[in-house]
Protein backbone atom coordinates (compact mmCIF):
# COMPACT_ATOMS: atom_id res chain seq x y z
CA MET A 1 33.82 62.95 175.01
CA PRO A 2 34.92 59.32 174.47
CA ALA A 3 33.34 56.89 176.82
CA CYS A 4 35.48 55.62 179.77
CA LYS A 5 37.18 52.42 179.05
CA LYS A 6 36.49 49.67 181.72
CA PRO A 7 39.65 48.13 183.29
CA GLU A 8 40.71 44.86 181.97
CA LEU A 9 39.41 41.83 183.87
CA ARG A 10 41.94 38.99 184.46
CA ILE A 11 41.36 35.69 186.06
CA ASP A 12 44.22 33.44 187.17
CA TRP A 13 45.47 31.32 190.02
CA ALA A 14 45.78 32.99 193.54
CA THR A 15 48.23 32.06 196.21
CA HIS A 16 46.97 30.71 199.43
CA GLU A 17 48.23 33.85 201.28
CA ALA A 18 46.34 36.15 198.78
CA ALA A 19 43.17 34.04 199.00
CA THR A 20 43.26 34.17 202.92
CA TYR A 21 43.77 37.87 202.86
CA ALA A 22 40.84 38.43 200.63
CA VAL A 23 38.57 36.26 202.62
CA GLU A 24 39.57 37.67 206.08
CA ASN A 25 39.26 41.21 204.88
CA TRP A 26 36.54 41.28 202.18
CA HIS A 27 34.21 38.41 203.08
CA TYR A 28 31.45 38.77 205.78
CA SER A 29 32.43 35.35 207.27
CA LYS A 30 36.07 36.49 207.84
CA ARG A 31 36.91 32.74 207.81
CA MET A 32 38.98 30.72 205.17
CA PRO A 33 37.48 27.35 204.54
CA LYS A 34 39.69 24.34 205.70
CA ALA A 35 38.69 22.12 202.78
CA LYS A 36 40.91 21.60 199.80
CA LEU A 37 40.21 24.52 197.40
CA VAL A 38 40.64 25.78 193.89
CA LYS A 39 41.71 29.43 194.47
CA VAL A 40 40.91 31.76 191.53
CA GLY A 41 42.29 35.28 191.84
CA VAL A 42 40.54 38.39 190.21
CA TRP A 43 42.45 41.40 188.82
CA GLU A 44 41.17 44.64 187.33
CA ALA A 45 43.84 46.71 185.46
CA GLU A 46 46.44 44.39 187.08
CA ARG A 47 45.12 45.38 190.54
CA PHE A 48 44.16 42.43 192.72
CA VAL A 49 40.67 42.83 193.76
CA GLY A 50 39.81 39.40 195.31
CA VAL A 51 39.06 35.67 194.84
CA VAL A 52 36.52 33.17 193.90
CA LEU A 53 37.03 29.85 195.74
CA PHE A 54 35.66 26.55 194.71
CA GLY A 55 35.79 23.32 196.84
CA SER A 56 34.49 19.96 197.67
CA GLY A 57 31.88 21.61 200.10
CA ALA A 58 30.73 20.52 203.55
CA GLY A 59 28.66 17.33 204.13
CA HIS A 60 27.21 15.81 201.03
CA SER A 61 26.55 18.90 199.06
CA THR A 62 28.94 17.89 196.19
CA ASN A 63 27.77 14.25 196.08
CA GLY A 64 26.92 13.92 192.43
CA THR A 65 24.63 10.96 192.57
CA ARG A 66 21.56 12.98 193.08
CA TYR A 67 22.23 14.45 189.67
CA GLY A 68 23.15 11.26 187.88
CA LEU A 69 26.89 11.90 188.28
CA ALA A 70 29.70 10.23 190.13
CA ALA A 71 29.71 10.51 193.81
CA SER A 72 32.91 12.71 193.77
CA GLY A 73 34.95 14.53 191.16
CA GLU A 74 32.11 15.84 188.91
CA VAL A 75 30.54 18.37 191.14
CA ALA A 76 32.27 21.52 192.95
CA GLU A 77 30.88 24.00 195.35
CA LEU A 78 31.31 27.78 194.94
CA VAL A 79 32.34 28.40 198.64
CA ARG A 80 33.54 32.03 198.73
CA VAL A 81 33.35 35.12 196.59
CA ALA A 82 35.52 37.75 198.38
CA LEU A 83 35.99 40.99 196.59
CA ARG A 84 37.07 44.54 197.45
CA ASP A 85 35.80 47.52 195.44
CA HIS A 86 35.75 46.60 191.75
CA VAL A 87 34.14 47.58 188.47
CA ALA A 88 32.92 44.38 186.69
CA PRO A 89 29.56 43.06 187.79
CA VAL A 90 29.95 40.17 190.27
CA SER A 91 27.92 37.79 187.92
CA ARG A 92 30.54 38.39 185.17
CA ILE A 93 33.36 37.79 187.58
CA ILE A 94 31.80 34.41 188.52
CA SER A 95 31.11 33.57 184.93
CA VAL A 96 34.77 34.07 183.92
CA ALA A 97 35.86 32.22 186.91
CA LEU A 98 33.59 29.28 186.03
CA ARG A 99 35.13 29.21 182.53
CA PHE A 100 38.59 29.08 184.13
CA LEU A 101 37.50 26.22 186.52
CA SER A 102 36.06 24.25 183.73
CA ARG A 103 39.20 24.56 181.63
CA VAL A 104 41.55 23.47 184.33
CA ASN A 105 39.05 20.68 185.64
CA PRO A 106 37.61 19.24 182.31
CA GLY A 107 35.82 16.42 184.34
CA LEU A 108 33.65 18.80 186.22
CA LYS A 109 29.83 18.85 185.09
CA LEU A 110 28.25 20.96 187.71
CA VAL A 111 28.88 23.75 190.26
CA ILE A 112 26.58 24.27 193.23
CA SER A 113 26.20 27.18 195.55
CA PHE A 114 24.09 28.41 198.38
CA ALA A 115 22.54 31.58 199.45
CA ASP A 116 22.27 32.03 203.21
CA THR A 117 18.79 32.91 204.23
CA ALA A 118 20.03 33.50 207.83
CA GLN A 119 22.04 36.41 206.37
CA GLY A 120 19.12 37.72 204.36
CA HIS A 121 20.54 36.65 201.07
CA HIS A 122 18.45 35.31 198.24
CA GLY A 123 21.17 34.69 195.50
CA GLY A 124 20.84 37.72 193.36
CA ILE A 125 24.33 37.18 191.85
CA TYR A 126 23.29 33.65 190.73
CA GLN A 127 20.10 34.91 189.20
CA ALA A 128 21.97 37.40 187.26
CA GLY A 129 24.17 34.63 186.05
CA ASN A 130 21.36 32.47 184.85
CA TRP A 131 21.93 29.73 187.39
CA ILE A 132 19.17 27.24 188.07
CA TYR A 133 17.42 27.61 191.32
CA SER A 134 16.35 24.26 192.84
CA GLY A 135 14.75 25.29 196.11
CA VAL A 136 15.60 25.59 199.78
CA THR A 137 17.73 23.00 201.60
CA GLU A 138 16.75 21.28 204.81
CA GLY A 139 17.94 23.06 207.88
CA ASP A 140 21.40 21.93 209.21
CA ARG A 141 23.37 21.87 212.38
CA GLU A 142 26.50 23.54 213.42
CA PHE A 143 28.69 23.43 216.55
CA HIS A 144 30.22 26.47 218.18
CA VAL A 145 33.39 25.41 219.94
CA LYS A 146 36.18 27.59 221.20
CA GLY A 147 35.16 30.52 219.07
CA GLU A 148 34.87 28.37 215.88
CA VAL A 149 31.77 27.47 213.97
CA LEU A 150 32.15 23.81 212.86
CA HIS A 151 30.10 21.70 210.61
CA PRO A 152 29.27 18.26 212.12
CA LYS A 153 31.67 16.82 209.56
CA ALA A 154 34.55 19.02 210.93
CA VAL A 155 33.72 17.77 214.42
CA TYR A 156 34.01 14.21 213.27
CA MET A 157 37.34 14.97 211.38
CA ARG A 158 38.71 16.10 214.73
CA ARG A 159 37.66 12.69 216.14
CA TRP A 160 35.13 14.49 218.54
CA VAL A 161 31.68 13.24 219.29
CA GLN A 162 28.90 15.14 217.47
CA SER A 163 27.16 15.98 220.69
CA GLU A 164 26.76 19.28 222.53
CA ALA A 165 27.04 17.50 225.92
CA TRP A 166 30.21 15.53 224.95
CA LEU A 167 31.91 18.71 223.70
CA LYS A 168 30.90 20.61 226.78
CA GLN A 169 32.34 17.87 228.99
CA ASN A 170 35.53 17.30 227.06
CA ILE A 171 36.46 20.06 224.88
CA ASP A 172 34.83 23.44 225.73
CA PRO A 173 32.27 24.11 228.62
CA MET A 174 30.73 26.85 226.44
CA ALA A 175 30.25 24.67 223.43
CA ARG A 176 26.70 24.71 221.95
CA LEU A 177 24.75 23.18 219.17
CA VAL A 178 22.88 25.55 216.84
CA LYS A 179 20.15 24.67 214.36
CA THR A 180 20.48 26.65 211.17
CA PRO A 181 17.74 27.48 208.66
CA GLY A 182 17.70 26.09 205.17
CA LYS A 183 19.69 27.82 202.34
CA HIS A 184 18.73 28.61 198.77
CA ARG A 185 20.42 26.14 196.43
CA TYR A 186 21.52 27.28 192.95
CA LEU A 187 23.14 25.01 190.18
CA MET A 188 25.31 25.96 187.27
CA PRO A 189 25.65 23.12 184.68
CA LEU A 190 28.97 23.35 182.80
CA ASP A 191 27.61 22.04 179.47
CA ALA A 192 24.43 21.88 177.50
CA GLU A 193 23.74 18.21 178.24
CA MET A 194 24.05 18.88 182.09
CA ARG A 195 21.63 21.74 181.78
CA GLN A 196 19.12 19.74 180.09
CA ARG A 197 19.54 16.90 182.70
CA ILE A 198 18.83 19.30 185.62
CA ALA A 199 16.22 21.57 183.93
CA PRO A 200 13.30 19.66 185.54
CA LEU A 201 14.74 20.80 189.04
CA SER A 202 14.27 24.42 188.15
CA LYS A 203 11.98 26.56 190.39
CA PRO A 204 10.98 30.24 190.22
CA TYR A 205 13.75 32.52 191.63
CA PRO A 206 13.14 33.73 195.20
CA LYS A 207 12.63 37.44 195.64
CA ARG A 208 14.99 39.78 197.63
CA PRO A 209 13.82 39.92 201.31
CA LYS A 210 12.32 43.20 202.28
CA GLN A 211 15.15 45.32 203.50
CA ALA A 212 15.40 46.85 206.90
CA THR A 213 15.20 50.63 207.27
CA ASP A 214 18.62 51.07 208.90
CA GLY A 215 20.22 51.96 205.65
CA HIS A 216 22.35 48.95 205.33
CA PRO A 217 20.67 46.44 202.93
CA PRO A 218 21.83 42.87 202.97
CA SER A 219 24.43 41.67 200.28
CA SER A 220 22.95 40.22 197.20
CA GLY A 221 25.28 37.50 197.22
CA GLY A 222 24.92 33.91 198.39
CA ALA A 223 25.81 31.63 201.32
CA THR A 224 29.28 32.97 200.89
CA PRO A 225 28.66 36.23 199.09
CA THR A 226 30.67 39.15 197.93
CA ARG A 227 31.30 41.87 200.51
CA THR A 228 32.25 44.77 198.10
CA LEU A 229 33.86 47.56 199.95
CA GLN A 230 32.71 51.06 199.12
CA HIS A 231 36.11 52.76 199.22
CA SER A 232 39.27 52.56 197.31
CA GLU A 233 42.12 53.33 199.62
CA PRO A 234 45.38 51.37 198.80
CA VAL A 235 45.95 48.22 200.68
CA ASN A 236 48.89 45.78 201.11
CA VAL A 237 47.83 42.64 199.53
CA PRO A 238 49.94 39.39 199.39
CA ALA A 239 51.06 38.58 195.71
């Protein structure tokens, strides 16, 4: 019998509505980033299966000076990979999305992403894609205010004081400051010169954490990993 032909993989722009739907339904965070984003859609056999989102990132994560680049405009962050059930490996989907991103943003030199240790992620999809692992970031802070999880930068952008006491007194009596553990940092250079430049930062890949015995292993994705659904019922997705 002839081998089953894999469905054609297509990468193109996604609308804001489609990206929001994918994140809210197929990503573990259920939250659409508020930053300016490059929204890349993914189709298999002309069936919409999700998005790969790139942005400027939170805090100073995309400041290129630490890599010998400009402070802005030359580094992007992979901030969401939100997919429903699909056939192509996630690492291949990301690779094609990166080529698309590089083509439409020729000034980009480097893409960065993070695997969330607090979620049990070690960055398997990045390791499969030959990303450079540069170690664990320092722990961060986040504020929980009115049901939202806010980076200190987001608190500042709302003209609030980055203080748990101030937020409790002025915004939300239940507001709290949470210290988060560090995340695994992965780097993807977009040309050979950039790969050579950051090669000295490379460290051995971290291993997958030991899985719990409840039958629900953690996703192999990153700080904003894929949440592949294990079913294929039809859904109504925005165009």
